[in-house]
Amino acid sequence: MSNVVVFMNLTLDGVMQAPGRPDEDRRGGFRHGGWADMQARSPGADPVLATVTAESMANTGALLLGRRTYQDFYGYWPHQTGNPFTEVLNATLKYVASATLAEPLPWSNSALLTGDAAEAVAGLRRQPGKDLVVLGSGELVQSLMRRNLIDHYVLLIHPLVLGSGRRLFPDGGAFADLRLHDAKPTTTGVLIATYQPAESAAGKTT
C-alpha cells in the first residue's frame, strides 16, 4: 500500500496561493505571489529544508497534481537549468486530475486520472510502492481529504501573515483530526510540520 503525502508551503494564516512567483496565480487579485522568497528559503539555502526535500524526492513514486498546478509546473520547470528539480520532475510519473485536459498530455511521464479523481487515487494508493505526493492542487487535496485518502501532511509553514489568498483549509472545507508526527525548524524560520490523521497515528488504517 502506498502513502498519499501532501507536501505544501503555507503561511501562518494558511495561505497556499502562489508561493513561488509573482505571476504564479493572480486569482482574486492576489498581490503577494512569490511570498515563499525562493532565494532565501529554497531547499539549497537551508540544510534542514534541503534534507527534508531530498528525503521526500527519494521516497516519491509519483506526483498527484490538479490541472492548474500541472499546467503551471509544465510552463515553468522544463525550461529551467542549473537546479536539482527539473530533471527529477521530468522523469517522475505525474498523475493529473482534470475534467478538461485530454491525452496525450504534453509533459513527459504524465497521465490523466480516469473517472473520479479521488477514486482513481484510492486505486493507486492500494498498490504497493513509494509515496504519491501532492504538490499545490488545493482542490485535489480537499477531494482526497473528504475520502480520508491522505496519510501524511508535510507543511512548510512560513513566518508570514498575508491576510488574503487561497487557503489550503478553507471555510466549509473537509474535516480532519490530525496528530503531530514530527516538527523541524529551519534556520530561516520555516517550520516543517508533519501531521498524520488521528486514526493512522493510532495504528489504524483509513
Protein backbone atom coordinates (compact mmCIF):
# COMPACT_ATOMS: atom_id res chain seq x y z
CA MET A 1 0.00 0.00 0.00
CA SER A 2 1.35 3.43 -0.94
CA ASN A 3 1.10 6.57 1.17
CA VAL A 4 -0.54 9.74 -0.11
CA VAL A 5 1.53 12.71 1.11
CA VAL A 6 0.61 16.39 0.85
CA PHE A 7 3.81 18.48 0.60
CA MET A 8 2.85 22.13 0.85
CA ASN A 9 4.16 25.65 1.52
CA LEU A 10 1.84 27.61 3.80
CA THR A 11 1.79 30.96 5.55
CA LEU A 12 0.84 31.26 9.21
CA ASP A 13 -2.69 32.19 8.15
CA GLY A 14 -2.92 29.11 5.94
CA VAL A 15 -2.44 30.70 2.51
CA MET A 16 -1.07 28.35 -0.15
CA GLN A 17 -1.59 30.54 -3.22
CA ALA A 18 1.38 31.41 -5.47
CA PRO A 19 4.34 30.76 -3.16
CA GLY A 20 6.92 30.67 -5.94
CA ARG A 21 6.49 33.60 -8.33
CA PRO A 22 4.65 36.93 -8.57
CA ASP A 23 2.74 35.78 -11.67
CA GLU A 24 2.10 32.22 -10.49
CA ASP A 25 -1.57 32.65 -9.58
CA ARG A 26 -3.29 36.05 -9.55
CA ARG A 27 -6.83 34.76 -8.97
CA GLY A 28 -8.90 37.04 -6.78
CA GLY A 29 -6.47 39.90 -7.38
CA PHE A 30 -3.80 38.18 -5.27
CA ARG A 31 -0.79 40.52 -4.99
CA HIS A 32 1.61 38.54 -2.82
CA GLY A 33 2.87 35.99 -5.34
CA GLY A 34 6.36 34.72 -4.59
CA TRP A 35 5.88 35.02 -0.84
CA ALA A 36 7.97 31.92 -0.12
CA ASP A 37 11.04 34.02 -1.07
CA MET A 38 12.71 31.26 -3.03
CA GLN A 39 16.14 32.90 -2.86
CA ALA A 40 16.30 32.81 0.92
CA ARG A 41 14.06 29.84 1.67
CA SER A 42 14.78 27.43 -1.17
CA PRO A 43 15.98 23.95 -0.15
CA GLY A 44 19.54 24.80 -1.18
CA ALA A 45 19.61 27.77 1.17
CA ASP A 46 18.85 25.78 4.32
CA PRO A 47 20.34 22.39 5.32
CA VAL A 48 17.23 21.27 7.22
CA LEU A 49 14.89 22.04 4.33
CA ALA A 50 17.37 20.54 1.88
CA THR A 51 17.40 17.26 3.82
CA VAL A 52 13.60 17.07 4.11
CA THR A 53 13.14 17.89 0.43
CA ALA A 54 15.74 15.32 -0.64
CA GLU A 55 14.10 12.64 1.51
CA SER A 56 10.71 13.43 0.03
CA MET A 57 12.05 13.27 -3.52
CA ALA A 58 13.77 9.94 -2.81
CA ASN A 59 10.53 8.47 -1.45
CA THR A 60 8.30 9.80 -4.25
CA GLY A 61 6.90 7.23 -6.65
CA ALA A 62 4.57 9.63 -8.45
CA LEU A 63 3.13 13.13 -8.20
CA LEU A 64 -0.58 13.91 -7.93
CA LEU A 65 -1.45 17.27 -9.48
CA GLY A 66 -4.56 19.27 -10.23
CA ARG A 67 -4.93 20.81 -13.68
CA ARG A 68 -3.85 24.33 -12.72
CA THR A 69 -0.76 23.16 -10.83
CA TYR A 70 0.18 20.78 -13.63
CA GLN A 71 -0.05 23.48 -16.29
CA ASP A 72 1.86 25.97 -14.15
CA PHE A 73 4.64 23.46 -13.44
CA TYR A 74 4.82 22.44 -17.12
CA GLY A 75 5.08 26.07 -18.19
CA TYR A 76 8.00 26.66 -15.84
CA TRP A 77 10.12 23.71 -14.75
CA PRO A 78 11.07 22.04 -18.06
CA HIS A 79 12.69 25.35 -19.12
CA GLN A 80 14.86 25.77 -16.00
CA THR A 81 18.52 24.79 -15.74
CA GLY A 82 21.12 24.61 -13.01
CA ASN A 83 18.79 23.24 -10.33
CA PRO A 84 18.20 19.82 -8.76
CA PHE A 85 14.48 19.70 -9.57
CA THR A 86 13.94 19.90 -13.33
CA GLU A 87 15.44 16.53 -14.21
CA VAL A 88 13.61 14.82 -11.36
CA LEU A 89 10.27 16.41 -12.24
CA ASN A 90 10.67 15.48 -15.91
CA ALA A 91 11.42 11.86 -15.03
CA THR A 92 8.78 11.42 -12.29
CA LEU A 93 5.39 9.97 -13.17
CA LYS A 94 2.75 12.68 -12.88
CA TYR A 95 -0.95 11.85 -12.44
CA VAL A 96 -3.24 14.77 -13.28
CA ALA A 97 -6.81 15.37 -12.07
CA SER A 98 -8.69 17.27 -14.78
CA ALA A 99 -12.08 17.28 -16.45
CA THR A 100 -10.87 19.43 -19.35
CA LEU A 101 -7.43 18.14 -20.38
CA ALA A 102 -7.09 15.22 -22.78
CA GLU A 103 -4.47 12.62 -23.55
CA PRO A 104 -1.73 12.79 -24.61
CA LEU A 105 -0.51 15.29 -22.05
CA PRO A 106 2.44 17.43 -23.19
CA TRP A 107 4.85 16.87 -20.29
CA SER A 108 6.85 13.65 -20.31
CA ASN A 109 5.65 10.88 -17.99
CA SER A 110 2.23 12.47 -17.45
CA ALA A 111 -1.13 10.69 -17.38
CA LEU A 112 -4.70 11.71 -16.61
CA LEU A 113 -6.53 10.20 -13.67
CA THR A 114 -9.50 8.49 -15.29
CA GLY A 115 -13.00 8.84 -13.89
CA ASP A 116 -13.48 10.25 -10.41
CA ALA A 117 -10.09 11.60 -9.28
CA ALA A 118 -10.42 10.53 -5.65
CA GLU A 119 -11.49 7.03 -6.68
CA ALA A 120 -8.55 6.80 -9.07
CA VAL A 121 -6.15 7.87 -6.31
CA ALA A 122 -7.70 5.31 -3.96
CA GLY A 123 -6.83 2.64 -6.54
CA LEU A 124 -3.25 3.88 -6.83
CA ARG A 125 -2.95 4.00 -3.04
CA ARG A 126 -3.91 0.33 -2.75
CA GLN A 127 -0.91 -0.64 -4.86
CA PRO A 128 2.50 -1.22 -3.23
CA GLY A 129 5.12 1.40 -3.95
CA LYS A 130 6.66 4.69 -2.93
CA ASP A 131 4.72 7.79 -1.87
CA LEU A 132 2.12 9.52 -4.01
CA VAL A 133 2.93 13.18 -3.38
CA VAL A 134 0.51 16.06 -3.86
CA LEU A 135 2.11 19.42 -4.66
CA GLY A 136 -0.11 22.52 -4.69
CA SER A 137 -3.52 21.42 -6.02
CA GLY A 138 -5.75 22.64 -3.19
CA GLU A 139 -8.99 21.36 -4.74
CA LEU A 140 -7.48 17.91 -5.19
CA VAL A 141 -6.34 17.94 -1.56
CA GLN A 142 -9.87 18.73 -0.41
CA SER A 143 -11.27 15.92 -2.57
CA LEU A 144 -8.81 13.43 -1.07
CA MET A 145 -9.48 14.67 2.46
CA ARG A 146 -13.20 14.01 2.05
CA ARG A 147 -12.37 10.38 1.23
CA ASN A 148 -9.80 10.01 4.05
CA LEU A 149 -7.11 9.23 1.49
CA ILE A 150 -4.26 11.39 2.85
CA ASP A 151 -1.71 9.62 5.03
CA HIS A 152 0.69 12.49 5.81
CA TYR A 153 0.70 16.26 5.59
CA VAL A 154 4.18 17.80 5.33
CA LEU A 155 3.53 21.51 5.82
CA LEU A 156 6.29 24.07 5.34
CA ILE A 157 4.89 26.87 7.49
CA HIS A 158 6.48 30.24 6.70
CA PRO A 159 6.59 33.10 9.25
CA LEU A 160 4.27 35.30 7.21
CA VAL A 161 0.69 36.54 7.60
CA LEU A 162 -0.70 37.71 4.26
CA GLY A 163 -4.30 38.43 5.19
CA SER A 164 -5.58 37.29 1.80
CA GLY A 165 -5.23 34.46 -0.65
CA ARG A 166 -6.48 30.93 -1.20
CA ARG A 167 -6.03 28.71 1.83
CA LEU A 168 -5.28 25.02 1.99
CA PHE A 169 -8.03 24.54 4.59
CA PRO A 170 -10.84 26.93 3.58
CA ASP A 171 -14.05 27.67 5.43
CA GLY A 172 -16.53 24.90 4.66
CA GLY A 173 -13.75 22.51 3.66
CA ALA A 174 -13.25 18.90 4.68
CA PHE A 175 -12.82 17.94 8.34
CA ALA A 176 -9.58 16.33 9.55
CA ASP A 177 -8.45 15.22 13.00
CA LEU A 178 -4.64 15.29 12.87
CA ARG A 179 -1.77 14.37 15.15
CA LEU A 180 1.69 15.95 15.03
CA HIS A 181 4.22 13.34 13.92
CA ASP A 182 7.34 15.49 13.59
CA ALA A 183 8.41 19.14 13.63
CA LYS A 184 11.68 20.65 12.42
CA PRO A 185 12.53 24.37 12.48
CA THR A 186 14.79 25.67 9.73
CA THR A 187 17.42 28.38 10.03
CA THR A 188 15.16 30.77 8.06
CA GLY A 189 12.18 30.46 10.41
CA VAL A 190 10.18 27.98 8.36
CA LEU A 191 8.64 25.22 10.50
CA ILE A 192 8.40 21.84 8.77
CA ALA A 193 5.48 20.13 10.50
CA THR A 194 4.40 16.60 9.61
CA TYR A 195 0.90 15.51 10.58
CA GLN A 196 -0.95 12.22 10.34
CA PRO A 197 -4.70 11.60 10.53
CA ALA A 198 -5.53 10.56 14.09
CA GLU A 199 -6.60 7.02 13.16
CA SER A 200 -3.39 6.42 11.20
CA ALA A 201 -1.31 7.81 14.06
CA ALA A 202 -3.03 5.32 16.40
CA GLY A 203 -2.10 2.45 14.11
CA LYS A 204 -5.46 2.09 12.35
CA THR A 205 -5.97 2.03 8.61
CA THR A 206 -8.05 4.63 6.82
